[in-house]
Protein backbone atom coordinates (compact mmCIF):
# COMPACT_ATOMS: atom_id res chain seq x y z
CA MET A 1 0.00 0.00 0.00
CA VAL A 2 1.27 3.43 -0.93
CA PRO A 3 0.09 6.13 1.50
CA LYS A 4 -1.26 9.33 -0.09
CA GLY A 5 1.44 11.95 -0.66
CA VAL A 6 4.27 9.47 -0.07
CA VAL A 7 7.09 8.68 -2.51
CA VAL A 8 7.85 4.98 -1.90
CA HIS A 9 11.16 3.39 -2.88
CA HIS A 10 11.95 -0.35 -2.88
CA GLU A 11 15.06 -2.24 -1.76
CA VAL A 12 15.12 -6.00 -2.40
CA GLU A 13 17.22 -7.71 0.27
CA LEU A 14 18.38 -11.03 1.63
CA ALA A 15 17.31 -11.29 5.26
CA PHE A 16 18.36 -13.92 7.78
CA VAL A 17 16.82 -15.31 10.94
CA LEU A 18 18.98 -15.96 14.01
CA ASN A 19 18.99 -19.31 15.79
CA LYS A 20 20.62 -18.01 18.99
CA THR A 21 21.02 -14.93 21.16
CA LEU A 22 24.10 -12.78 20.41
CA LYS A 23 25.52 -9.97 22.54
CA ASP A 24 28.73 -7.94 22.43
CA LEU A 25 30.41 -10.03 19.74
CA PRO A 26 34.08 -9.18 19.18
CA ALA A 27 35.27 -7.55 15.96
CA THR A 28 37.06 -10.85 15.30
CA PHE A 29 33.73 -12.74 15.08
CA SER A 30 34.26 -14.97 12.05
CA ALA A 31 32.23 -15.67 8.93
CA GLU A 32 31.90 -19.32 10.02
CA GLU A 33 30.56 -18.32 13.45
CA ALA A 34 28.07 -16.01 11.77
CA LEU A 35 26.75 -18.78 9.52
CA ASP A 36 26.44 -21.03 12.58
CA ALA A 37 24.17 -18.37 14.19
CA ILE A 38 21.74 -18.39 11.24
CA ASP A 39 18.59 -20.53 11.21
CA GLY A 40 17.57 -19.61 7.67
CA TYR A 41 16.81 -16.90 5.16
CA VAL A 42 13.94 -14.78 3.83
CA LEU A 43 13.49 -12.67 0.72
CA SER A 44 12.42 -9.16 1.72
CA ILE A 45 11.48 -5.85 0.14
CA ASP A 46 12.49 -3.02 2.42
CA MET A 47 10.31 -0.04 1.50
CA THR A 48 10.98 3.58 2.39
CA ALA A 49 8.78 6.66 2.31
CA ARG A 50 11.61 8.67 0.79
CA ASN A 51 10.05 12.14 1.03
CA VAL A 52 9.09 11.51 4.66
CA GLN A 53 12.60 10.25 5.43
CA ASP A 54 14.29 13.21 3.65
CA GLU A 55 12.21 15.79 5.53
CA ALA A 56 12.94 14.12 8.88
CA LYS A 57 16.68 14.11 8.12
CA LYS A 58 16.65 17.82 7.18
CA LYS A 59 14.99 18.61 10.52
CA GLY A 60 17.42 16.42 12.50
CA LEU A 61 14.61 14.05 13.45
CA PRO A 62 14.76 10.24 13.49
CA TRP A 63 14.34 9.15 9.87
CA SER A 64 13.06 5.69 10.78
CA ILE A 65 9.50 7.03 10.46
CA GLY A 66 9.99 6.58 6.70
CA LYS A 67 10.21 2.81 7.25
CA GLY A 68 7.22 2.38 9.55
CA PHE A 69 4.11 2.37 7.38
CA ASP A 70 1.90 -0.73 7.27
CA THR A 71 2.91 -3.16 4.48
CA PHE A 72 6.41 -1.66 4.14
CA LEU A 73 8.28 -4.96 4.61
CA PRO A 74 6.89 -7.72 2.40
CA LEU A 75 8.53 -11.05 3.27
CA SER A 76 8.69 -14.40 1.54
CA GLY A 77 8.40 -17.76 3.21
CA PHE A 78 11.24 -19.07 5.37
CA ILE A 79 14.16 -20.78 3.59
CA PRO A 80 16.13 -23.27 5.74
CA LYS A 81 19.86 -22.52 5.64
CA GLU A 82 20.57 -25.94 4.14
CA LYS A 83 19.01 -24.64 0.90
CA ILE A 84 21.49 -21.74 0.82
CA PRO A 85 24.90 -23.09 1.86
CA ASP A 86 26.61 -19.89 0.68
CA PRO A 87 24.64 -16.68 1.43
CA TYR A 88 27.14 -14.75 -0.73
CA ASN A 89 25.99 -16.63 -3.83
CA VAL A 90 22.33 -15.55 -3.82
CA GLU A 91 20.87 -13.62 -6.73
CA LEU A 92 18.26 -10.98 -5.86
CA VAL A 93 15.93 -9.62 -8.53
CA LEU A 94 13.21 -6.98 -8.35
CA LYS A 95 10.96 -6.06 -11.28
CA ILE A 96 8.36 -3.33 -11.61
CA ASN A 97 5.82 -3.80 -14.41
CA GLY A 98 8.11 -6.46 -15.91
CA ASP A 99 11.19 -4.18 -16.04
CA VAL A 100 14.21 -5.33 -14.02
CA LYS A 101 15.11 -2.58 -11.55
CA GLN A 102 17.49 -4.52 -9.28
CA GLN A 103 19.47 -7.66 -10.07
CA ASP A 104 22.74 -8.65 -8.43
CA LYS A 105 24.47 -11.25 -6.32
CA THR A 106 24.91 -10.94 -2.57
CA ASN A 107 28.70 -11.26 -2.97
CA LEU A 108 28.57 -7.50 -3.66
CA MET A 109 27.22 -6.69 -0.17
CA ILE A 110 29.13 -3.79 1.39
CA PHE A 111 29.04 -5.38 4.85
CA PRO A 112 29.43 -9.16 5.26
CA ILE A 113 27.09 -10.95 7.64
CA HIS A 114 29.69 -11.46 10.39
CA LYS A 115 30.46 -7.71 10.43
CA ILE A 116 26.73 -6.86 10.53
CA LEU A 117 26.28 -9.18 13.53
CA SER A 118 29.38 -7.92 15.35
CA HIS A 119 28.35 -4.28 14.93
CA MET A 120 24.67 -4.77 15.80
CA SER A 121 25.38 -6.93 18.85
CA ALA A 122 27.61 -4.20 20.29
CA ILE A 123 24.56 -1.89 20.26
CA MET A 124 21.75 -4.27 21.21
CA THR A 125 21.23 -7.87 22.22
CA LEU A 126 20.16 -9.90 19.21
CA GLU A 127 17.63 -12.59 20.05
CA LYS A 128 16.90 -16.00 18.60
CA GLY A 129 14.26 -15.45 15.91
CA ASP A 130 15.33 -11.88 15.06
CA LEU A 131 15.12 -11.01 11.36
CA ILE A 132 18.07 -9.00 10.02
CA LEU A 133 18.27 -7.42 6.56
CA THR A 134 21.63 -7.30 4.78
CA GLY A 135 21.54 -4.51 2.18
CA THR A 136 20.31 -3.95 -1.35
CA PRO A 137 21.72 -4.02 -4.88
CA LYS A 138 21.91 -0.89 -7.02
CA GLY A 139 18.77 0.20 -8.83
CA VAL A 140 16.48 1.43 -6.06
CA SER A 141 13.51 3.23 -7.62
CA GLN A 142 9.94 4.29 -6.96
CA ILE A 143 6.83 2.12 -6.54
CA SER A 144 3.54 3.82 -7.43
CA PRO A 145 -0.09 2.71 -7.10
CA GLY A 146 -0.92 0.40 -10.01
CA ASP A 147 2.60 -1.02 -10.33
CA LYS A 148 3.07 -4.77 -10.50
CA VAL A 149 5.99 -5.69 -8.24
CA GLU A 150 7.88 -8.98 -8.40
CA ALA A 151 10.93 -10.03 -6.38
CA TYR A 152 12.91 -13.26 -6.62
CA LEU A 153 15.58 -15.00 -4.57
CA ASN A 154 17.60 -17.36 -6.79
CA TYR A 155 20.28 -19.86 -5.78
CA ASP A 156 22.20 -22.10 -8.17
CA GLY A 157 19.91 -21.04 -11.01
CA LYS A 158 16.71 -21.96 -9.13
CA THR A 159 14.12 -19.59 -7.70
CA LEU A 160 13.74 -20.50 -4.02
CA GLU A 161 11.24 -17.77 -3.09
CA GLU A 162 9.31 -14.95 -4.69
CA ILE A 163 7.12 -12.03 -3.70
CA LYS A 164 4.48 -10.65 -6.08
CA PHE A 165 1.92 -7.92 -5.49
CA ASP A 166 0.07 -5.06 -7.12
CA ALA A 167 0.86 -1.74 -5.44
CA GLU A 168 -2.31 0.02 -4.30
CA GLN A 169 -3.14 3.42 -2.88
CA LYS A 170 -3.57 3.03 0.88
CA PRO A 171 -7.21 3.71 1.76
CA GLY A 172 -8.18 5.91 4.65
CA PRO A 173 -7.84 9.51 5.72
CA TYR A 174 -4.03 9.68 6.10
CA GLU A 175 -2.16 11.89 3.63
CA TYR A 176 1.45 12.99 4.05
CA LYS A 177 1.91 16.73 3.62
CA GLN A 178 5.29 18.39 3.99
CA ILE A 179 5.26 20.99 6.73
């Protein structure tokens, strides 16, 4: 759902689910230890109300409000980690109205999973069952009401999960207006 007055951008991402609690991990936390802490994976589309986020940033306010609208994190079904032995060999694809907007492998992630976990666990305790997103390929663009959105998670040439929906105008009285 696209709220009235909101410019919505998509970010297709590999997400992972933890199988244990992690706290204050050292910077030396290894890639192997990180994989051992993962229960499985999920395809996600991280959506952002870009104009809301930009205005909040300009005013020095928390920009996370741009992530908090209903329906802003579509998720696929759970993928057991045995189906993805190498999370750096996943292909992520996002199409809008049949046009490929994002398509790349996770080996291009700026931050590897073990660094994400080490950094996050220094700030907050990560719990078993937490869902953590990893980052997005180039090609972020806008989703508008009426768009047909498709996202795919491929591994070894096979599609393991997909998300498909038609973007709709969010009903109701809410309309974002810049102040």
